[in-house]
Amino acid sequence: MEIDFCEQFVRDWTRYFPGADLPIVFSYVDDPGGGQPAEAATGHRCFICDLGRVRKGVNMIFGQSTLGCSGAKRYLGFSNEAVESLDDFLACGIPGELEGLRLKKTPDIAREQRAAVPRFEAPAEYLAARRIDGLEPGDEPQVAVFFAEPDVLAALYTLAGYDDARPDAVVAPFGAGCATIVQYPFQQAGTDQPRAVLGMFDISARPCVGANVLTLSVPWKKFVRMAGYMDESFLTTASWETVRARLPRASERAGDADY
């Protein structure tokens, strides 16, 4: 991994997106060194909330024992065990036993949707998460994740399709917040023409991010191409300058970063 590339990206990002959050990057590793282990799980804890520290610059390591959510263990690839009553939970629940999230009309619809998604298995024992400015020589990032508000997201969405004739260069599949930033983009990374993944529509995970924040997750090889196009793309035009001028300053964004 080229540190020079990351340093150049940070300079370009700061120029075109002043005040916007730097992306975080994921990689699967067998050696947990080089990051702070997440606290061992003692109850339910959302992985998206845990990432708040990573977004602030703390390098962290996650494994099966440190994830406080059975869904996160599944969507990060550390467990393929079916969660009991998951389909009821996603739908209307079980009267007197389980309150449903009401994200799907019926358990059958939830089951059919879940069966349509290929299982994801973690390729190594740990998931390393760090902000891009914390990468070190020898790191092998595999996915970049942007937590972004609408104007920044619009630019990233457009940049993701800059060299792609497909109208769906960005997809927005249904899934938990962690599925849309880990499972889906890692699966895309294994394709010949990876797509970016728009996410963080998960109502249960949204309290862990700001009110105006969604995510765009990009397989690393696509991210590198996107970064290389910044200086020749719409980011150099008067149209973007008009939008860039209204991007909130860091002090204005502080109240939105309640993670």
C-alpha atoms as a PDB file:
ATOM      1  CA  MET A   1       0.000   0.000   0.000  1.00  0.00           C
ATOM      2  CA  GLU A   2       1.414   3.335  -1.067  1.00  0.00           C
ATOM      3  CA  ILE A   3       1.548   5.850   1.779  1.00  0.00           C
ATOM      4  CA  ASP A   4       2.230   8.567  -0.804  1.00  0.00           C
ATOM      5  CA  PHE A   5      -1.140   7.815  -2.395  1.00  0.00           C
ATOM      6  CA  CYS A   6      -2.949   8.205   0.937  1.00  0.00           C
ATOM      7  CA  GLU A   7      -1.162  11.450   1.740  1.00  0.00           C
ATOM      8  CA  GLN A   8      -2.057  12.848  -1.677  1.00  0.00           C
ATOM      9  CA  PHE A   9      -5.657  11.751  -1.242  1.00  0.00           C
ATOM     10  CA  VAL A  10      -5.908  13.543   2.109  1.00  0.00           C
ATOM     11  CA  ARG A  11      -4.568  16.742   0.523  1.00  0.00           C
ATOM     12  CA  ASP A  12      -7.026  16.493  -2.373  1.00  0.00           C
ATOM     13  CA  TRP A  13      -9.914  15.619  -0.056  1.00  0.00           C
ATOM     14  CA  THR A  14      -9.218  18.625   2.139  1.00  0.00           C
ATOM     15  CA  ARG A  15      -9.133  20.865  -0.925  1.00  0.00           C
ATOM     16  CA  TYR A  16     -12.354  19.645  -2.525  1.00  0.00           C
ATOM     17  CA  PHE A  17     -14.270  18.723   0.643  1.00  0.00           C
ATOM     18  CA  PRO A  18     -13.092  21.110   3.367  1.00  0.00           C
ATOM     19  CA  GLY A  19     -14.282  20.044   6.800  1.00  0.00           C
ATOM     20  CA  ALA A  20     -15.754  16.716   5.629  1.00  0.00           C
ATOM     21  CA  ASP A  21     -14.870  13.494   7.432  1.00  0.00           C
ATOM     22  CA  LEU A  22     -12.012  11.451   6.041  1.00  0.00           C
ATOM     23  CA  PRO A  23     -13.002   7.905   5.083  1.00  0.00           C
ATOM     24  CA  ILE A  24     -12.233   4.938   7.272  1.00  0.00           C
ATOM     25  CA  VAL A  25     -10.761   1.780   5.769  1.00  0.00           C
ATOM     26  CA  PHE A  26     -11.264  -1.894   6.544  1.00  0.00           C
ATOM     27  CA  SER A  27      -8.985  -4.855   6.096  1.00  0.00           C
ATOM     28  CA  TYR A  28      -9.090  -8.419   7.388  1.00  0.00           C
ATOM     29  CA  VAL A  29      -5.958  -9.485   9.244  1.00  0.00           C
ATOM     30  CA  ASP A  30      -4.696 -12.477  11.216  1.00  0.00           C
ATOM     31  CA  ASP A  31      -2.376 -10.367  13.385  1.00  0.00           C
ATOM     32  CA  PRO A  32      -4.292  -8.020  15.726  1.00  0.00           C
ATOM     33  CA  GLY A  33      -1.242  -5.832  16.309  1.00  0.00           C
ATOM     34  CA  GLY A  34      -1.322  -2.240  15.148  1.00  0.00           C
ATOM     35  CA  GLY A  35      -4.732  -1.420  16.518  1.00  0.00           C
ATOM     36  CA  GLN A  36      -6.617  -1.089  19.772  1.00  0.00           C
ATOM     37  CA  PRO A  37      -8.787  -4.147  20.436  1.00  0.00           C
ATOM     38  CA  ALA A  38     -12.446  -3.334  20.880  1.00  0.00           C
ATOM     39  CA  GLU A  39     -13.754  -4.052  24.356  1.00  0.00           C
ATOM     40  CA  ALA A  40     -15.073  -7.554  24.903  1.00  0.00           C
ATOM     41  CA  ALA A  41     -18.814  -7.711  24.413  1.00  0.00           C
ATOM     42  CA  THR A  42     -20.847  -8.020  27.620  1.00  0.00           C
ATOM     43  CA  GLY A  43     -24.250  -7.247  26.102  1.00  0.00           C
ATOM     44  CA  HIS A  44     -25.778  -5.833  22.979  1.00  0.00           C
ATOM     45  CA  ARG A  45     -23.636  -3.132  21.391  1.00  0.00           C
ATOM     46  CA  CYS A  46     -23.925  -1.771  17.856  1.00  0.00           C
ATOM     47  CA  PHE A  47     -20.838  -2.054  15.664  1.00  0.00           C
ATOM     48  CA  ILE A  48     -21.733   1.255  13.999  1.00  0.00           C
ATOM     49  CA  CYS A  49     -21.507   3.005  17.371  1.00  0.00           C
ATOM     50  CA  ASP A  50     -18.121   1.372  17.963  1.00  0.00           C
ATOM     51  CA  LEU A  51     -16.891   2.925  14.717  1.00  0.00           C
ATOM     52  CA  GLY A  52     -17.386   6.396  16.172  1.00  0.00           C
ATOM     53  CA  ARG A  53     -13.911   6.137  17.709  1.00  0.00           C
ATOM     54  CA  VAL A  54     -12.418   5.024  14.390  1.00  0.00           C
ATOM     55  CA  ARG A  55     -13.983   8.027  12.661  1.00  0.00           C
ATOM     56  CA  LYS A  56     -12.172  10.202  15.192  1.00  0.00           C
ATOM     57  CA  GLY A  57      -8.816   8.607  14.369  1.00  0.00           C
ATOM     58  CA  VAL A  58      -8.480   5.601  16.711  1.00  0.00           C
ATOM     59  CA  ASN A  59      -7.202   2.423  15.028  1.00  0.00           C
ATOM     60  CA  MET A  60      -9.314  -0.511  16.206  1.00  0.00           C
ATOM     61  CA  ILE A  61      -9.424  -4.275  15.850  1.00  0.00           C
ATOM     62  CA  PHE A  62     -12.642  -6.287  15.899  1.00  0.00           C
ATOM     63  CA  GLY A  63     -13.172 -10.009  16.275  1.00  0.00           C
ATOM     64  CA  GLN A  64     -16.002 -12.352  17.080  1.00  0.00           C
ATOM     65  CA  SER A  65     -15.597 -11.954  20.853  1.00  0.00           C
ATOM     66  CA  THR A  66     -15.680  -8.148  20.701  1.00  0.00           C
ATOM     67  CA  LEU A  67     -18.865  -7.790  18.675  1.00  0.00           C
ATOM     68  CA  GLY A  68     -21.910  -7.205  20.834  1.00  0.00           C
ATOM     69  CA  CYS A  69     -24.491  -7.963  18.147  1.00  0.00           C
ATOM     70  CA  SER A  70     -25.274 -11.325  16.565  1.00  0.00           C
ATOM     71  CA  GLY A  71     -26.087  -9.558  13.309  1.00  0.00           C
ATOM     72  CA  ALA A  72     -22.660  -7.899  13.235  1.00  0.00           C
ATOM     73  CA  LYS A  73     -20.983 -11.270  13.759  1.00  0.00           C
ATOM     74  CA  ARG A  74     -22.880 -12.556  10.752  1.00  0.00           C
ATOM     75  CA  TYR A  75     -22.435  -9.555   8.467  1.00  0.00           C
ATOM     76  CA  LEU A  76     -18.737  -9.187   9.301  1.00  0.00           C
ATOM     77  CA  GLY A  77     -18.344 -12.844   8.388  1.00  0.00           C
ATOM     78  CA  PHE A  78     -17.429 -14.256  11.792  1.00  0.00           C
ATOM     79  CA  SER A  79     -20.528 -16.438  12.164  1.00  0.00           C
ATOM     80  CA  ASN A  80     -22.890 -18.031   9.692  1.00  0.00           C
ATOM     81  CA  GLU A  81     -25.218 -19.422  12.298  1.00  0.00           C
ATOM     82  CA  ALA A  82     -28.809 -18.460  11.646  1.00  0.00           C
ATOM     83  CA  VAL A  83     -30.098 -16.168  14.362  1.00  0.00           C
ATOM     84  CA  GLU A  84     -33.148 -17.708  15.949  1.00  0.00           C
ATOM     85  CA  SER A  85     -36.337 -15.851  15.095  1.00  0.00           C
ATOM     86  CA  LEU A  86     -34.405 -13.357  12.930  1.00  0.00           C
ATOM     87  CA  ASP A  87     -37.093 -13.251  10.270  1.00  0.00           C
ATOM     88  CA  ASP A  88     -39.795 -12.671  12.882  1.00  0.00           C
ATOM     89  CA  PHE A  89     -37.601  -9.963  14.417  1.00  0.00           C
ATOM     90  CA  LEU A  90     -37.229  -8.152  11.075  1.00  0.00           C
ATOM     91  CA  ALA A  91     -40.974  -8.293  10.566  1.00  0.00           C
ATOM     92  CA  CYS A  92     -43.786  -8.154  13.112  1.00  0.00           C
ATOM     93  CA  GLY A  93     -42.180 -10.154  15.918  1.00  0.00           C
ATOM     94  CA  ILE A  94     -43.821 -12.884  17.997  1.00  0.00           C
ATOM     95  CA  PRO A  95     -46.763 -11.726  20.127  1.00  0.00           C
ATOM     96  CA  GLY A  96     -45.897 -11.860  23.806  1.00  0.00           C
ATOM     97  CA  GLU A  97     -42.323 -13.033  23.113  1.00  0.00           C
ATOM     98  CA  LEU A  98     -40.467 -10.793  20.667  1.00  0.00           C
ATOM     99  CA  GLU A  99     -41.008  -7.244  19.506  1.00  0.00           C
ATOM    100  CA  GLY A 100     -40.441  -6.914  15.769  1.00  0.00           C
ATOM    101  CA  LEU A 101     -38.564  -4.136  14.002  1.00  0.00           C
ATOM    102  CA  ARG A 102     -41.286  -4.006  11.314  1.00  0.00           C
ATOM    103  CA  LEU A 103     -38.755  -3.552   8.531  1.00  0.00           C
ATOM    104  CA  LYS A 104     -40.483  -6.219   6.428  1.00  0.00           C
ATOM    105  CA  LYS A 105     -44.199  -6.902   6.057  1.00  0.00           C
ATOM    106  CA  THR A 106     -43.961 -10.610   6.867  1.00  0.00           C
ATOM    107  CA  PRO A 107     -41.335 -13.087   8.129  1.00  0.00           C
ATOM    108  CA  ASP A 108     -41.590 -14.907   4.785  1.00  0.00           C
ATOM    109  CA  ILE A 109     -40.526 -11.768   2.906  1.00  0.00           C
ATOM    110  CA  ALA A 110     -37.622 -11.293   5.327  1.00  0.00           C
ATOM    111  CA  ARG A 111     -36.596 -14.934   4.888  1.00  0.00           C
ATOM    112  CA  GLU A 112     -36.754 -14.727   1.097  1.00  0.00           C
ATOM    113  CA  GLN A 113     -34.713 -11.533   1.035  1.00  0.00           C
ATOM    114  CA  ARG A 114     -32.082 -12.977   3.380  1.00  0.00           C
ATOM    115  CA  ALA A 115     -31.796 -16.175   1.337  1.00  0.00           C
ATOM    116  CA  ALA A 116     -31.082 -14.120  -1.798  1.00  0.00           C
ATOM    117  CA  VAL A 117     -27.871 -12.687  -0.316  1.00  0.00           C
ATOM    118  CA  PRO A 118     -24.769 -14.920  -0.561  1.00  0.00           C
ATOM    119  CA  ARG A 119     -23.177 -15.744   2.764  1.00  0.00           C
ATOM    120  CA  PHE A 120     -20.027 -13.868   3.621  1.00  0.00           C
ATOM    121  CA  GLU A 121     -17.123 -15.484   5.464  1.00  0.00           C
ATOM    122  CA  ALA A 122     -14.347 -13.404   6.980  1.00  0.00           C
ATOM    123  CA  PRO A 123     -11.077 -14.196   5.179  1.00  0.00           C
ATOM    124  CA  ALA A 124      -9.056 -13.688   8.377  1.00  0.00           C
ATOM    125  CA  GLU A 125      -9.538 -13.719  12.140  1.00  0.00           C
ATOM    126  CA  TYR A 126      -9.869  -9.975  12.736  1.00  0.00           C
ATOM    127  CA  LEU A 127     -11.256  -6.885  11.044  1.00  0.00           C
ATOM    128  CA  ALA A 128      -8.927  -3.881  11.260  1.00  0.00           C
ATOM    129  CA  ALA A 129     -10.560  -0.454  11.061  1.00  0.00           C
ATOM    130  CA  ARG A 130      -8.682   2.820  10.818  1.00  0.00           C
ATOM    131  CA  ARG A 131      -9.037   6.243   9.297  1.00  0.00           C
ATOM    132  CA  ILE A 132      -7.172   6.658   6.041  1.00  0.00           C
ATOM    133  CA  ASP A 133      -4.669   9.086   7.556  1.00  0.00           C
ATOM    134  CA  GLY A 134      -3.707   6.367  10.060  1.00  0.00           C
ATOM    135  CA  LEU A 135      -2.632   3.792   7.490  1.00  0.00           C
ATOM    136  CA  GLU A 136       0.934   2.548   7.694  1.00  0.00           C
ATOM    137  CA  PRO A 137       3.352   0.883   5.258  1.00  0.00           C
ATOM    138  CA  GLY A 138       2.432  -2.775   4.963  1.00  0.00           C
ATOM    139  CA  ASP A 139      -1.293  -2.213   5.488  1.00  0.00           C
ATOM    140  CA  GLU A 140      -3.492  -3.702   2.795  1.00  0.00           C
ATOM    141  CA  PRO A 141      -6.795  -1.802   2.844  1.00  0.00           C
ATOM    142  CA  GLN A 142      -9.672  -3.519   1.107  1.00  0.00           C
ATOM    143  CA  VAL A 143     -12.678  -1.202   1.505  1.00  0.00           C
ATOM    144  CA  ALA A 144     -13.005   2.561   2.065  1.00  0.00           C
ATOM    145  CA  VAL A 145     -16.101   3.862   3.842  1.00  0.00           C
ATOM    146  CA  PHE A 146     -17.303   7.458   3.754  1.00  0.00           C
ATOM    147  CA  PHE A 147     -19.717   8.781   6.372  1.00  0.00           C
ATOM    148  CA  ALA A 148     -21.095  11.786   4.556  1.00  0.00           C
ATOM    149  CA  GLU A 149     -23.857  14.354   4.391  1.00  0.00           C
ATOM    150  CA  PRO A 150     -25.908  14.890   1.175  1.00  0.00           C
ATOM    151  CA  ASP A 151     -23.669  17.330  -0.738  1.00  0.00           C
ATOM    152  CA  VAL A 152     -20.555  15.234  -0.147  1.00  0.00           C
ATOM    153  CA  LEU A 153     -22.483  12.055  -0.838  1.00  0.00           C
ATOM    154  CA  ALA A 154     -23.739  13.459  -4.145  1.00  0.00           C
ATOM    155  CA  ALA A 155     -20.163  14.132  -5.226  1.00  0.00           C
ATOM    156  CA  LEU A 156     -18.981  10.679  -4.200  1.00  0.00           C
ATOM    157  CA  TYR A 157     -21.935   9.056  -5.959  1.00  0.00           C
ATOM    158  CA  THR A 158     -21.086  10.933  -9.154  1.00  0.00           C
ATOM    159  CA  LEU A 159     -17.380  10.184  -8.885  1.00  0.00           C
ATOM    160  CA  ALA A 160     -18.138   6.474  -8.418  1.00  0.00           C
ATOM    161  CA  GLY A 161     -19.803   6.455 -11.840  1.00  0.00           C
ATOM    162  CA  TYR A 162     -17.271   8.696 -13.571  1.00  0.00           C
ATOM    163  CA  ASP A 163     -15.582   5.876 -15.504  1.00  0.00           C
ATOM    164  CA  ASP A 164     -18.532   3.472 -15.484  1.00  0.00           C
ATOM    165  CA  ALA A 165     -21.205   3.309 -18.199  1.00  0.00           C
ATOM    166  CA  ARG A 166     -23.548   1.267 -16.014  1.00  0.00           C
ATOM    167  CA  PRO A 167     -26.464   3.233 -14.525  1.00  0.00           C
ATOM    168  CA  ASP A 168     -26.058   1.257 -11.312  1.00  0.00           C
ATOM    169  CA  ALA A 169     -22.402   1.884 -10.549  1.00  0.00           C
ATOM    170  CA  VAL A 170     -23.727   2.569  -7.041  1.00  0.00           C
ATOM    171  CA  VAL A 171     -26.187   0.146  -5.438  1.00  0.00           C
ATOM    172  CA  ALA A 172     -28.285   0.427  -2.283  1.00  0.00           C
ATOM    173  CA  PRO A 173     -29.144  -3.114  -1.149  1.00  0.00           C
ATOM    174  CA  PHE A 174     -31.316  -3.744   1.891  1.00  0.00           C
ATOM    175  CA  GLY A 175     -29.358  -4.703   4.970  1.00  0.00           C
ATOM    176  CA  ALA A 176     -28.178  -3.853   8.434  1.00  0.00           C
ATOM    177  CA  GLY A 177     -25.867  -0.875   8.775  1.00  0.00           C
ATOM    178  CA  CYS A 178     -22.863  -3.170   9.185  1.00  0.00           C
ATOM    179  CA  ALA A 179     -23.888  -5.248   6.164  1.00  0.00           C
ATOM    180  CA  THR A 180     -23.820  -2.179   3.924  1.00  0.00           C
ATOM    181  CA  ILE A 181     -20.300  -1.160   4.974  1.00  0.00           C
ATOM    182  CA  VAL A 182     -18.704  -4.599   5.326  1.00  0.00           C
ATOM    183  CA  GLN A 183     -20.529  -7.563   3.808  1.00  0.00           C
ATOM    184  CA  TYR A 184     -21.773  -5.990   0.581  1.00  0.00           C
ATOM    185  CA  PRO A 185     -18.659  -3.956  -0.348  1.00  0.00           C
ATOM    186  CA  PHE A 186     -16.337  -6.874   0.421  1.00  0.00           C
ATOM    187  CA  GLN A 187     -18.458  -9.068  -1.824  1.00  0.00           C
ATOM    188  CA  GLN A 188     -18.292  -6.370  -4.505  1.00  0.00           C
ATOM    189  CA  ALA A 189     -14.506  -6.302  -4.119  1.00  0.00           C
ATOM    190  CA  GLY A 190     -14.400  -9.856  -5.430  1.00  0.00           C
ATOM    191  CA  THR A 191     -16.047  -8.944  -8.744  1.00  0.00           C
ATOM    192  CA  ASP A 192     -14.419  -7.784 -11.973  1.00  0.00           C
ATOM    193  CA  GLN A 193     -16.295  -4.468 -11.937  1.00  0.00           C
ATOM    194  CA  PRO A 194     -17.048  -3.626  -8.312  1.00  0.00           C
ATOM    195  CA  ARG A 195     -19.839  -1.218  -7.468  1.00  0.00           C
ATOM    196  CA  ALA A 196     -19.947   1.258  -4.614  1.00  0.00           C
ATOM    197  CA  VAL A 197     -22.554   0.595  -1.914  1.00  0.00           C
ATOM    198  CA  LEU A 198     -24.834   3.266  -0.503  1.00  0.00           C
ATOM    199  CA  GLY A 199     -25.973   2.499   3.016  1.00  0.00           C
ATOM    200  CA  MET A 200     -26.840   3.363   6.606  1.00  0.00           C
ATOM    201  CA  PHE A 201     -30.575   3.213   6.020  1.00  0.00           C
ATOM    202  CA  ASP A 202     -30.856   0.783   8.949  1.00  0.00           C
ATOM    203  CA  ILE A 203     -33.260   2.494  11.356  1.00  0.00           C
ATOM    204  CA  SER A 204     -31.846   0.649  14.378  1.00  0.00           C
ATOM    205  CA  ALA A 205     -28.278   1.800  13.584  1.00  0.00           C
ATOM    206  CA  ARG A 206     -29.061   5.397  12.668  1.00  0.00           C
ATOM    207  CA  PRO A 207     -28.836   6.695  16.272  1.00  0.00           C
ATOM    208  CA  CYS A 208     -25.093   5.928  15.972  1.00  0.00           C
ATOM    209  CA  VAL A 209     -24.567   8.486  13.198  1.00  0.00           C
ATOM    210  CA  GLY A 210     -25.545  12.107  12.656  1.00  0.00           C
ATOM    211  CA  ALA A 211     -29.018  12.967  11.427  1.00  0.00           C
ATOM    212  CA  ASN A 212     -27.740  13.988   7.957  1.00  0.00           C
ATOM    213  CA  VAL A 213     -25.248  11.152   7.464  1.00  0.00           C
ATOM    214  CA  LEU A 214     -25.350   8.151   5.123  1.00  0.00           C
ATOM    215  CA  THR A 215     -22.467   5.959   3.977  1.00  0.00           C
ATOM    216  CA  LEU A 216     -20.813   5.141   0.694  1.00  0.00           C
ATOM    217  CA  SER A 217     -18.561   2.090   0.806  1.00  0.00           C
ATOM    218  CA  VAL A 218     -16.091   1.495  -2.005  1.00  0.00           C
ATOM    219  CA  PRO A 219     -13.874  -1.525  -2.736  1.00  0.00           C
ATOM    220  CA  TRP A 220     -10.281  -0.332  -2.566  1.00  0.00           C
ATOM    221  CA  LYS A 221      -9.393  -0.790  -6.242  1.00  0.00           C
ATOM    222  CA  LYS A 222     -12.408   1.293  -7.232  1.00  0.00           C
ATOM    223  CA  PHE A 223     -11.586   3.868  -4.564  1.00  0.00           C
ATOM    224  CA  VAL A 224      -8.066   4.293  -5.963  1.00  0.00           C
ATOM    225  CA  ARG A 225      -9.511   4.967  -9.413  1.00  0.00           C
ATOM    226  CA  MET A 226     -12.005   7.460  -8.005  1.00  0.00           C
ATOM    227  CA  ALA A 227      -9.237   9.323  -6.193  1.00  0.00           C
ATOM    228  CA  GLY A 228      -7.214   9.509  -9.406  1.00  0.00           C
ATOM    229  CA  TYR A 229     -10.047  11.250 -11.224  1.00  0.00           C
ATOM    230  CA  MET A 230     -10.598  14.059  -8.735  1.00  0.00           C
ATOM    231  CA  ASP A 231      -8.466  16.631 -10.552  1.00  0.00           C
ATOM    232  CA  GLU A 232     -10.099  16.023 -13.952  1.00  0.00           C
ATOM    233  CA  SER A 233     -13.707  15.590 -12.850  1.00  0.00           C
ATOM    234  CA  PHE A 234     -16.635  17.889 -12.050  1.00  0.00           C
ATOM    235  CA  LEU A 235     -14.821  18.753  -8.808  1.00  0.00           C
ATOM    236  CA  THR A 236     -12.852  21.322 -10.807  1.00  0.00           C
ATOM    237  CA  THR A 237     -15.948  23.078 -12.196  1.00  0.00           C
ATOM    238  CA  ALA A 238     -17.876  26.144 -11.117  1.00  0.00           C
ATOM    239  CA  SER A 239     -20.857  23.910 -10.394  1.00  0.00           C
ATOM    240  CA  TRP A 240     -18.973  22.088  -7.664  1.00  0.00           C
ATOM    241  CA  GLU A 241     -17.477  25.321  -6.385  1.00  0.00           C
ATOM    242  CA  THR A 242     -21.007  26.570  -5.716  1.00  0.00           C
ATOM    243  CA  VAL A 243     -21.815  23.450  -3.717  1.00  0.00           C
ATOM    244  CA  ARG A 244     -18.417  23.323  -1.998  1.00  0.00           C
ATOM    245  CA  ALA A 245     -18.913  26.863  -0.705  1.00  0.00           C
ATOM    246  CA  ARG A 246     -21.889  25.745   1.354  1.00  0.00           C
ATOM    247  CA  LEU A 247     -20.272  22.675   2.934  1.00  0.00           C
ATOM    248  CA  PRO A 248     -20.557  23.107   6.703  1.00  0.00           C
ATOM    249  CA  ARG A 249     -17.432  23.992   8.620  1.00  0.00           C
ATOM    250  CA  ALA A 250     -16.218  21.614  11.298  1.00  0.00           C
ATOM    251  CA  SER A 251     -17.663  23.830  14.035  1.00  0.00           C
ATOM    252  CA  GLU A 252     -21.053  23.732  12.313  1.00  0.00           C
ATOM    253  CA  ARG A 253     -20.923  19.961  12.021  1.00  0.00           C
ATOM    254  CA  ALA A 254     -20.074  19.306  15.660  1.00  0.00           C
ATOM    255  CA  GLY A 255     -23.696  18.955  16.720  1.00  0.00           C
ATOM    256  CA  ASP A 256     -24.269  16.401  13.964  1.00  0.00           C
ATOM    257  CA  ALA A 257     -21.476  14.121  15.149  1.00  0.00           C
ATOM    258  CA  ASP A 258     -23.316  12.593  18.076  1.00  0.00           C
ATOM    259  CA  TYR A 259     -21.588   9.224  17.937  1.00  0.00           C
END
